[in-house]
C-alpha atoms as a PDB file:
ATOM      1  CA  MET A   1       0.000   0.000   0.000  1.00  0.00           C
ATOM      2  CA  GLY A   2       1.133   3.495  -0.763  1.00  0.00           C
ATOM      3  CA  GLU A   3       1.103   6.630   1.359  1.00  0.00           C
ATOM      4  CA  PRO A   4       1.266  10.397   0.862  1.00  0.00           C
ATOM      5  CA  ILE A   5       4.713  11.854   1.467  1.00  0.00           C
ATOM      6  CA  ASN A   6       5.056  15.552   2.195  1.00  0.00           C
ATOM      7  CA  THR A   7       7.884  16.884   0.047  1.00  0.00           C
ATOM      8  CA  ASN A   8       8.591  19.945  -2.080  1.00  0.00           C
ATOM      9  CA  GLY A   9       5.507  21.631  -0.629  1.00  0.00           C
ATOM     10  CA  ILE A  10       3.036  18.964  -1.726  1.00  0.00           C
ATOM     11  CA  GLU A  11       1.691  15.589  -0.614  1.00  0.00           C
ATOM     12  CA  ILE A  12       2.995  13.123  -3.215  1.00  0.00           C
ATOM     13  CA  TRP A  13       1.314   9.716  -3.207  1.00  0.00           C
ATOM     14  CA  THR A  14       4.097   7.148  -3.182  1.00  0.00           C
ATOM     15  CA  GLU A  15       4.341   3.384  -3.300  1.00  0.00           C
ATOM     16  CA  ARG A  16       7.535   1.561  -2.354  1.00  0.00           C
ATOM     17  CA  ARG A  17       8.099  -2.125  -2.737  1.00  0.00           C
ATOM     18  CA  GLY A  18      10.932  -4.618  -2.616  1.00  0.00           C
ATOM     19  CA  HIS A  19      14.559  -4.684  -1.605  1.00  0.00           C
ATOM     20  CA  GLY A  20      17.875  -4.149  -3.361  1.00  0.00           C
ATOM     21  CA  PRO A  21      19.218  -1.273  -5.458  1.00  0.00           C
ATOM     22  CA  ASP A  22      16.906   1.735  -5.578  1.00  0.00           C
ATOM     23  CA  VAL A  23      14.748   2.346  -8.660  1.00  0.00           C
ATOM     24  CA  LEU A  24      12.547   5.405  -9.248  1.00  0.00           C
ATOM     25  CA  LEU A  25       9.676   4.972 -11.735  1.00  0.00           C
ATOM     26  CA  ILE A  26       8.231   8.172 -13.275  1.00  0.00           C
ATOM     27  CA  ALA A  27       4.849   7.807 -14.948  1.00  0.00           C
ATOM     28  CA  GLY A  28       3.547   9.370 -18.141  1.00  0.00           C
ATOM     29  CA  LEU A  29       0.699  11.697 -19.044  1.00  0.00           C
ATOM     30  CA  GLY A  30      -2.371  10.991 -16.934  1.00  0.00           C
ATOM     31  CA  ASP A  31      -0.935   7.857 -15.349  1.00  0.00           C
ATOM     32  CA  PRO A  32      -0.938   7.120 -11.606  1.00  0.00           C
ATOM     33  CA  ALA A  33       1.641   4.924  -9.890  1.00  0.00           C
ATOM     34  CA  GLU A  34      -0.460   1.858 -10.778  1.00  0.00           C
ATOM     35  CA  ALA A  35       0.740   2.175 -14.380  1.00  0.00           C
ATOM     36  CA  TRP A  36       3.939   0.501 -13.137  1.00  0.00           C
ATOM     37  CA  GLN A  37       2.150  -2.428 -11.484  1.00  0.00           C
ATOM     38  CA  ALA A  38       3.903  -5.053 -13.612  1.00  0.00           C
ATOM     39  CA  GLN A  39       7.284  -3.632 -12.612  1.00  0.00           C
ATOM     40  CA  LEU A  40       6.339  -3.335  -8.925  1.00  0.00           C
ATOM     41  CA  ASP A  41       5.238  -6.966  -9.057  1.00  0.00           C
ATOM     42  CA  GLY A  42       7.958  -8.317 -11.335  1.00  0.00           C
ATOM     43  CA  LEU A  43      11.117  -6.656 -10.032  1.00  0.00           C
ATOM     44  CA  SER A  44      10.526  -6.134  -6.321  1.00  0.00           C
ATOM     45  CA  ASP A  45      12.317  -9.317  -5.305  1.00  0.00           C
ATOM     46  CA  ARG A  46      15.539  -7.799  -6.637  1.00  0.00           C
ATOM     47  CA  TYR A  47      15.073  -4.003  -6.457  1.00  0.00           C
ATOM     48  CA  LEU A  48      13.575  -1.439  -4.096  1.00  0.00           C
ATOM     49  CA  LEU A  49      11.112   0.306  -6.391  1.00  0.00           C
ATOM     50  CA  THR A  50       9.498   3.687  -5.792  1.00  0.00           C
ATOM     51  CA  ALA A  51       6.527   4.731  -7.929  1.00  0.00           C
ATOM     52  CA  PHE A  52       4.475   7.853  -7.345  1.00  0.00           C
ATOM     53  CA  ASP A  53       1.603   9.957  -8.645  1.00  0.00           C
ATOM     54  CA  ASN A  54       2.869  13.063 -10.431  1.00  0.00           C
ATOM     55  CA  ARG A  55       1.216  16.387  -9.643  1.00  0.00           C
ATOM     56  CA  GLY A  56      -2.341  16.287 -10.910  1.00  0.00           C
ATOM     57  CA  ALA A  57      -2.512  12.498 -11.305  1.00  0.00           C
ATOM     58  CA  GLY A  58      -4.047   9.894  -9.027  1.00  0.00           C
ATOM     59  CA  ARG A  59      -3.911  10.953  -5.375  1.00  0.00           C
ATOM     60  CA  THR A  60      -1.390  13.797  -5.742  1.00  0.00           C
ATOM     61  CA  PRO A  61      -3.204  17.133  -5.962  1.00  0.00           C
ATOM     62  CA  LEU A  62      -2.793  19.764  -8.658  1.00  0.00           C
ATOM     63  CA  PRO A  63      -1.591  22.924  -6.896  1.00  0.00           C
ATOM     64  CA  GLU A  64      -2.281  26.388  -8.189  1.00  0.00           C
ATOM     65  CA  GLY A  65       0.126  27.735 -10.787  1.00  0.00           C
ATOM     66  CA  ARG A  66       1.456  26.423 -14.046  1.00  0.00           C
ATOM     67  CA  LEU A  67       3.213  23.055 -14.148  1.00  0.00           C
ATOM     68  CA  SER A  68       6.556  22.705 -15.877  1.00  0.00           C
ATOM     69  CA  PRO A  69       9.017  19.888 -16.561  1.00  0.00           C
ATOM     70  CA  THR A  70      11.424  21.435 -14.044  1.00  0.00           C
ATOM     71  CA  THR A  71       8.750  21.541 -11.319  1.00  0.00           C
ATOM     72  CA  MET A  72       8.043  17.867 -11.909  1.00  0.00           C
ATOM     73  CA  ALA A  73      11.765  17.038 -11.858  1.00  0.00           C
ATOM     74  CA  ASP A  74      12.109  18.960  -8.603  1.00  0.00           C
ATOM     75  CA  ASP A  75       9.296  16.827  -7.149  1.00  0.00           C
ATOM     76  CA  ALA A  76      11.047  13.602  -8.126  1.00  0.00           C
ATOM     77  CA  ALA A  77      14.362  14.749  -6.690  1.00  0.00           C
ATOM     78  CA  ALA A  78      12.759  15.999  -3.477  1.00  0.00           C
ATOM     79  CA  LEU A  79      10.960  12.681  -3.079  1.00  0.00           C
ATOM     80  CA  LEU A  80      14.230  10.753  -3.248  1.00  0.00           C
ATOM     81  CA  ARG A  81      15.826  13.071  -0.732  1.00  0.00           C
ATOM     82  CA  THR A  82      12.882  12.815   1.645  1.00  0.00           C
ATOM     83  CA  LEU A  83      13.139   9.031   1.385  1.00  0.00           C
ATOM     84  CA  GLU A  84      16.893   9.350   2.062  1.00  0.00           C
ATOM     85  CA  VAL A  85      17.792   7.655  -1.213  1.00  0.00           C
ATOM     86  CA  PRO A  86      21.303   8.795  -2.205  1.00  0.00           C
ATOM     87  CA  SER A  87      20.855   7.816  -5.863  1.00  0.00           C
ATOM     88  CA  ALA A  88      18.576   5.595  -7.934  1.00  0.00           C
ATOM     89  CA  HIS A  89      18.171   3.980 -11.294  1.00  0.00           C
ATOM     90  CA  VAL A  90      15.577   6.322 -12.807  1.00  0.00           C
ATOM     91  CA  ALA A  91      13.109   5.016 -15.390  1.00  0.00           C
ATOM     92  CA  GLY A  92      10.672   7.399 -17.059  1.00  0.00           C
ATOM     93  CA  PHE A  93       7.960   6.776 -19.627  1.00  0.00           C
ATOM     94  CA  SER A  94       6.775   9.383 -22.177  1.00  0.00           C
ATOM     95  CA  MET A  95       6.079  12.514 -20.091  1.00  0.00           C
ATOM     96  CA  GLY A  96       7.926  10.712 -17.316  1.00  0.00           C
ATOM     97  CA  SER A  97      10.938  10.372 -19.582  1.00  0.00           C
ATOM     98  CA  ALA A  98      10.911  14.150 -20.083  1.00  0.00           C
ATOM     99  CA  ILE A  99      10.860  14.590 -16.301  1.00  0.00           C
ATOM    100  CA  ALA A 100      13.687  12.046 -15.972  1.00  0.00           C
ATOM    101  CA  GLN A 101      15.819  13.967 -18.464  1.00  0.00           C
ATOM    102  CA  GLU A 102      15.319  17.178 -16.512  1.00  0.00           C
ATOM    103  CA  MET A 103      16.116  15.357 -13.296  1.00  0.00           C
ATOM    104  CA  ALA A 104      19.371  13.998 -14.722  1.00  0.00           C
ATOM    105  CA  LEU A 105      20.341  17.520 -15.795  1.00  0.00           C
ATOM    106  CA  ARG A 106      19.336  19.278 -12.568  1.00  0.00           C
ATOM    107  CA  TYR A 107      20.266  16.594 -10.032  1.00  0.00           C
ATOM    108  CA  PRO A 108      22.931  14.364 -11.595  1.00  0.00           C
ATOM    109  CA  GLU A 109      24.077  13.129  -8.202  1.00  0.00           C
ATOM    110  CA  LEU A 110      20.684  11.456  -7.661  1.00  0.00           C
ATOM    111  CA  VAL A 111      20.585   9.595 -10.979  1.00  0.00           C
ATOM    112  CA  ARG A 112      22.508   6.308 -11.011  1.00  0.00           C
ATOM    113  CA  SER A 113      21.265   5.521 -14.523  1.00  0.00           C
ATOM    114  CA  LEU A 114      18.472   6.478 -16.919  1.00  0.00           C
ATOM    115  CA  VAL A 115      15.949   4.336 -18.761  1.00  0.00           C
ATOM    116  CA  LEU A 116      13.942   6.504 -21.161  1.00  0.00           C
ATOM    117  CA  MET A 117      10.930   4.676 -22.598  1.00  0.00           C
ATOM    118  CA  SER A 118       8.974   6.261 -25.457  1.00  0.00           C
ATOM    119  CA  THR A 119      10.928   9.463 -25.177  1.00  0.00           C
ATOM    120  CA  TYR A 120      11.617  12.735 -26.952  1.00  0.00           C
ATOM    121  CA  ALA A 121      13.768  15.819 -26.485  1.00  0.00           C
ATOM    122  CA  ARG A 122      11.483  18.459 -28.010  1.00  0.00           C
ATOM    123  CA  PRO A 123       8.019  18.201 -29.571  1.00  0.00           C
ATOM    124  CA  ASP A 124       8.065  18.761 -33.318  1.00  0.00           C
ATOM    125  CA  ALA A 125       5.130  20.310 -35.180  1.00  0.00           C
ATOM    126  CA  LEU A 126       3.276  16.994 -35.521  1.00  0.00           C
ATOM    127  CA  LEU A 127       3.668  15.988 -31.882  1.00  0.00           C
ATOM    128  CA  SER A 128       2.612  19.473 -30.782  1.00  0.00           C
ATOM    129  CA  SER A 129      -0.547  19.134 -32.866  1.00  0.00           C
ATOM    130  CA  GLN A 130      -1.260  15.718 -31.354  1.00  0.00           C
ATOM    131  CA  LEU A 131      -0.816  17.038 -27.832  1.00  0.00           C
ATOM    132  CA  ASN A 132      -3.083  20.009 -28.494  1.00  0.00           C
ATOM    133  CA  PHE A 133      -5.669  17.613 -29.946  1.00  0.00           C
ATOM    134  CA  TRP A 134      -5.664  15.593 -26.720  1.00  0.00           C
ATOM    135  CA  ARG A 135      -5.915  18.826 -24.770  1.00  0.00           C
ATOM    136  CA  TRP A 136      -9.309  19.711 -26.250  1.00  0.00           C
ATOM    137  CA  LEU A 137     -10.413  16.080 -26.641  1.00  0.00           C
ATOM    138  CA  ALA A 138     -10.611  15.878 -22.851  1.00  0.00           C
ATOM    139  CA  GLU A 139     -13.142  18.722 -22.918  1.00  0.00           C
ATOM    140  CA  VAL A 140     -15.351  17.663 -25.823  1.00  0.00           C
ATOM    141  CA  ALA A 141     -15.429  13.859 -25.632  1.00  0.00           C
ATOM    142  CA  PRO A 142     -19.105  12.836 -25.201  1.00  0.00           C
ATOM    143  CA  SER A 143     -18.277  10.597 -22.237  1.00  0.00           C
ATOM    144  CA  GLU A 144     -15.392   9.414 -20.106  1.00  0.00           C
ATOM    145  CA  ARG A 145     -15.516   6.061 -21.874  1.00  0.00           C
ATOM    146  CA  ALA A 146     -15.370   7.755 -25.275  1.00  0.00           C
ATOM    147  CA  PHE A 147     -12.320   9.740 -24.201  1.00  0.00           C
ATOM    148  CA  PHE A 148     -10.412   6.649 -23.091  1.00  0.00           C
ATOM    149  CA  GLU A 149     -11.408   4.674 -26.185  1.00  0.00           C
ATOM    150  CA  ALA A 150     -10.207   7.506 -28.435  1.00  0.00           C
ATOM    151  CA  PHE A 151      -7.043   8.244 -26.473  1.00  0.00           C
ATOM    152  CA  PHE A 152      -5.995   4.598 -26.314  1.00  0.00           C
ATOM    153  CA  THR A 153      -6.078   4.269 -30.110  1.00  0.00           C
ATOM    154  CA  TRP A 154      -2.763   6.147 -29.964  1.00  0.00           C
ATOM    155  CA  VAL A 155      -1.277   4.159 -27.106  1.00  0.00           C
ATOM    156  CA  TYR A 156      -1.593   0.404 -27.623  1.00  0.00           C
ATOM    157  CA  THR A 157      -0.742  -2.094 -30.338  1.00  0.00           C
ATOM    158  CA  PRO A 158      -3.250  -3.480 -32.866  1.00  0.00           C
ATOM    159  CA  ARG A 159      -2.746  -6.773 -31.001  1.00  0.00           C
ATOM    160  CA  ALA A 160      -3.966  -5.256 -27.727  1.00  0.00           C
ATOM    161  CA  HIS A 161      -7.022  -3.771 -29.413  1.00  0.00           C
ATOM    162  CA  ALA A 162      -7.866  -7.111 -31.058  1.00  0.00           C
ATOM    163  CA  ASP A 163      -7.407  -9.427 -28.079  1.00  0.00           C
ATOM    164  CA  GLY A 164      -9.484  -7.460 -25.572  1.00  0.00           C
ATOM    165  CA  THR A 165      -6.569  -6.008 -23.603  1.00  0.00           C
ATOM    166  CA  VAL A 166      -7.575  -2.424 -24.382  1.00  0.00           C
ATOM    167  CA  ASP A 167     -11.199  -3.133 -23.442  1.00  0.00           C
ATOM    168  CA  GLN A 168      -9.982  -4.337 -20.055  1.00  0.00           C
ATOM    169  CA  ILE A 169      -7.744  -1.274 -19.609  1.00  0.00           C
ATOM    170  CA  VAL A 170     -10.695   1.013 -20.407  1.00  0.00           C
ATOM    171  CA  GLU A 171     -12.806  -0.731 -17.761  1.00  0.00           C
ATOM    172  CA  GLU A 172     -10.007  -0.399 -15.207  1.00  0.00           C
ATOM    173  CA  ALA A 173      -9.605   3.301 -16.010  1.00  0.00           C
ATOM    174  CA  LEU A 174     -13.337   3.873 -15.584  1.00  0.00           C
ATOM    175  CA  ALA A 175     -13.344   2.014 -12.255  1.00  0.00           C
ATOM    176  CA  PHE A 176     -10.285   3.817 -10.850  1.00  0.00           C
ATOM    177  CA  SER A 177     -11.398   5.816  -7.829  1.00  0.00           C
ATOM    178  CA  HIS A 178      -8.884   8.658  -8.203  1.00  0.00           C
ATOM    179  CA  LYS A 179      -9.682   9.919 -11.689  1.00  0.00           C
ATOM    180  CA  GLN A 180      -7.767  12.812 -13.180  1.00  0.00           C
ATOM    181  CA  SER A 181      -9.680  16.039 -13.776  1.00  0.00           C
ATOM    182  CA  VAL A 182      -9.764  17.665 -17.194  1.00  0.00           C
ATOM    183  CA  GLU A 183      -7.851  20.613 -15.724  1.00  0.00           C
ATOM    184  CA  ALA A 184      -5.101  18.355 -14.392  1.00  0.00           C
ATOM    185  CA  PHE A 185      -4.858  16.400 -17.655  1.00  0.00           C
ATOM    186  CA  GLN A 186      -4.491  19.642 -19.592  1.00  0.00           C
ATOM    187  CA  ALA A 187      -1.851  20.903 -17.158  1.00  0.00           C
ATOM    188  CA  GLN A 188       0.186  17.749 -17.798  1.00  0.00           C
ATOM    189  CA  VAL A 189      -0.296  18.129 -21.566  1.00  0.00           C
ATOM    190  CA  ASP A 190       1.246  21.589 -21.166  1.00  0.00           C
ATOM    191  CA  VAL A 191       4.240  19.971 -19.445  1.00  0.00           C
ATOM    192  CA  CYS A 192       4.701  17.714 -22.472  1.00  0.00           C
ATOM    193  CA  LEU A 193       4.463  20.704 -24.809  1.00  0.00           C
ATOM    194  CA  ALA A 194       6.986  22.714 -22.789  1.00  0.00           C
ATOM    195  CA  HIS A 195       9.623  19.978 -22.618  1.00  0.00           C
ATOM    196  CA  ASP A 196      12.842  20.913 -24.410  1.00  0.00           C
ATOM    197  CA  THR A 197      16.210  19.365 -23.608  1.00  0.00           C
ATOM    198  CA  GLU A 198      17.460  19.006 -27.179  1.00  0.00           C
ATOM    199  CA  ASP A 199      20.407  21.376 -26.764  1.00  0.00           C
ATOM    200  CA  ARG A 200      21.234  20.103 -23.269  1.00  0.00           C
ATOM    201  CA  LEU A 201      21.259  16.348 -23.851  1.00  0.00           C
ATOM    202  CA  PRO A 202      25.080  16.242 -24.138  1.00  0.00           C
ATOM    203  CA  GLU A 203      25.224  17.380 -20.495  1.00  0.00           C
ATOM    204  CA  ILE A 204      23.588  14.171 -19.251  1.00  0.00           C
ATOM    205  CA  ALA A 205      26.299  12.045 -17.669  1.00  0.00           C
ATOM    206  CA  ALA A 206      24.277   9.094 -16.382  1.00  0.00           C
ATOM    207  CA  PRO A 207      24.474   5.770 -18.238  1.00  0.00           C
ATOM    208  CA  THR A 208      21.368   5.787 -20.427  1.00  0.00           C
ATOM    209  CA  LEU A 209      19.190   3.223 -22.172  1.00  0.00           C
ATOM    210  CA  VAL A 210      16.642   4.606 -24.652  1.00  0.00           C
ATOM    211  CA  LEU A 211      13.798   2.243 -25.575  1.00  0.00           C
ATOM    212  CA  SER A 212      11.312   2.808 -28.399  1.00  0.00           C
ATOM    213  CA  GLY A 213       8.427   0.698 -29.627  1.00  0.00           C
ATOM    214  CA  GLU A 214       8.607  -0.168 -33.310  1.00  0.00           C
ATOM    215  CA  LEU A 215       4.908   0.666 -33.763  1.00  0.00           C
ATOM    216  CA  ASP A 216       4.748   3.743 -31.536  1.00  0.00           C
ATOM    217  CA  ILE A 217       2.678   6.348 -33.411  1.00  0.00           C
ATOM    218  CA  ILE A 218       2.869   8.995 -30.669  1.00  0.00           C
ATOM    219  CA  LEU A 219       6.653   9.028 -30.436  1.00  0.00           C
ATOM    220  CA  PRO A 220       8.012   7.160 -33.461  1.00  0.00           C
ATOM    221  CA  LEU A 221      11.532   5.799 -33.591  1.00  0.00           C
ATOM    222  CA  ARG A 222      12.997   9.074 -34.821  1.00  0.00           C
ATOM    223  CA  PHE A 223      12.396  10.660 -31.421  1.00  0.00           C
ATOM    224  CA  GLY A 224      14.130   7.977 -29.394  1.00  0.00           C
ATOM    225  CA  ARG A 225      16.961   7.706 -31.888  1.00  0.00           C
ATOM    226  CA  SER A 226      17.541  11.466 -31.644  1.00  0.00           C
ATOM    227  CA  VAL A 227      17.589  11.415 -27.836  1.00  0.00           C
ATOM    228  CA  ALA A 228      20.079   8.547 -27.779  1.00  0.00           C
ATOM    229  CA  ALA A 229      22.293  10.328 -30.296  1.00  0.00           C
ATOM    230  CA  GLY A 230      22.333  13.428 -28.104  1.00  0.00           C
ATOM    231  CA  ILE A 231      23.294  11.726 -24.813  1.00  0.00           C
ATOM    232  CA  PRO A 232      26.947  10.647 -24.618  1.00  0.00           C
ATOM    233  CA  ASN A 233      27.309   6.851 -24.895  1.00  0.00           C
ATOM    234  CA  ALA A 234      23.562   6.227 -24.675  1.00  0.00           C
ATOM    235  CA  ARG A 235      22.222   2.945 -26.013  1.00  0.00           C
ATOM    236  CA  PHE A 236      19.200   2.905 -28.333  1.00  0.00           C
ATOM    237  CA  ASP A 237      17.086  -0.252 -28.493  1.00  0.00           C
ATOM    238  CA  VAL A 238      13.892  -0.922 -30.433  1.00  0.00           C
ATOM    239  CA  MET A 239      11.198  -3.240 -29.103  1.00  0.00           C
ATOM    240  CA  PRO A 240       9.860  -4.997 -32.237  1.00  0.00           C
ATOM    241  CA  GLY A 241       6.114  -5.142 -32.687  1.00  0.00           C
ATOM    242  CA  GLU A 242       5.445  -2.876 -29.687  1.00  0.00           C
ATOM    243  CA  ALA A 243       3.781   0.520 -29.439  1.00  0.00           C
ATOM    244  CA  HIS A 244       3.855   3.304 -26.842  1.00  0.00           C
ATOM    245  CA  GLN A 245       3.530   1.302 -23.605  1.00  0.00           C
ATOM    246  CA  PRO A 246       5.409  -2.000 -23.851  1.00  0.00           C
ATOM    247  CA  PHE A 247       6.128  -1.952 -20.118  1.00  0.00           C
ATOM    248  CA  GLN A 248       2.405  -2.732 -19.748  1.00  0.00           C
ATOM    249  CA  GLU A 249       1.801  -4.884 -22.837  1.00  0.00           C
ATOM    250  CA  VAL A 250       4.926  -7.072 -22.607  1.00  0.00           C
ATOM    251  CA  PRO A 251       6.180  -6.440 -19.066  1.00  0.00           C
ATOM    252  CA  ASP A 252       8.382  -9.523 -18.887  1.00  0.00           C
ATOM    253  CA  GLU A 253      10.344  -8.447 -21.949  1.00  0.00           C
ATOM    254  CA  PHE A 254      10.575  -4.860 -20.726  1.00  0.00           C
ATOM    255  CA  ASN A 255      11.672  -5.940 -17.251  1.00  0.00           C
ATOM    256  CA  THR A 256      14.318  -8.250 -18.682  1.00  0.00           C
ATOM    257  CA  ARG A 257      15.769  -5.493 -20.847  1.00  0.00           C
ATOM    258  CA  VAL A 258      15.955  -2.869 -18.106  1.00  0.00           C
ATOM    259  CA  GLU A 259      17.257  -5.304 -15.505  1.00  0.00           C
ATOM    260  CA  ALA A 260      20.082  -6.383 -17.826  1.00  0.00           C
ATOM    261  CA  PHE A 261      20.980  -2.703 -18.249  1.00  0.00           C
ATOM    262  CA  TRP A 262      20.866  -2.025 -14.493  1.00  0.00           C
ATOM    263  CA  ARG A 263      23.104  -5.034 -13.853  1.00  0.00           C
ATOM    264  CA  GLU A 264      25.654  -3.696 -16.337  1.00  0.00           C
ATOM    265  CA  VAL A 265      25.613  -0.348 -14.568  1.00  0.00           C
ATOM    266  CA  GLU A 266      26.050  -1.987 -11.169  1.00  0.00           C
ATOM    267  CA  VAL A 267      28.952  -4.110 -12.429  1.00  0.00           C
ATOM    268  CA  ARG A 268      30.676  -1.002 -13.793  1.00  0.00           C
ATOM    269  CA  GLY A 269      30.351   0.465 -10.326  1.00  0.00           C
END
């Protein structure tokens, strides 16, 4: 069970599980800590995992004032310090990967390594248009169900839509008792739009693994490839046949890949 932790002037809902080297999991747009359930379940016998609700998601409130990638990175860093974690393997997905990049730039001493899943350094014109589309979709969708069904067409593989996985995820989203408000969703969309580390990527010193799904239509391979090219000695890997959220669709494969990377980092000291 998780608990609210008072840090950086806000109560951040946090779940910790396991034992071993510290791992910080940073969720994407709209996602609560439960998005990482397969990692909390699958890696906790070997790692001490911390997942949390970003500002405006799940049980963490949306304070007054504009959100920014740096504010979110400050939250993540403050959470580690409050938990007395000297450094952690940091894994971020989509918006969470933007926050992780900012964290690695602002607080390099806290970042043992980086895993950037479905990532980007700066939204191009197409991605900006997609994000702005989602921004108003949250307002005009005829129902909550219709919003999720439309939004998830961008997120999951054709396989997941065909085999009933997406239907199940929609039902779980509708049943979740800590739903995100339209205002909070739009505030997080603005964080995604504001993210820009393209010129600063060479300053990231942490060992970095960039993962992209072959079928990701939100953040196609060109985005991940560009991020990996900008970070010194970063590794770029493609997950064949996967879309935007392989850590949910094929968690065993995702967990195996990131654990192999973390073990390499630990061996290198």
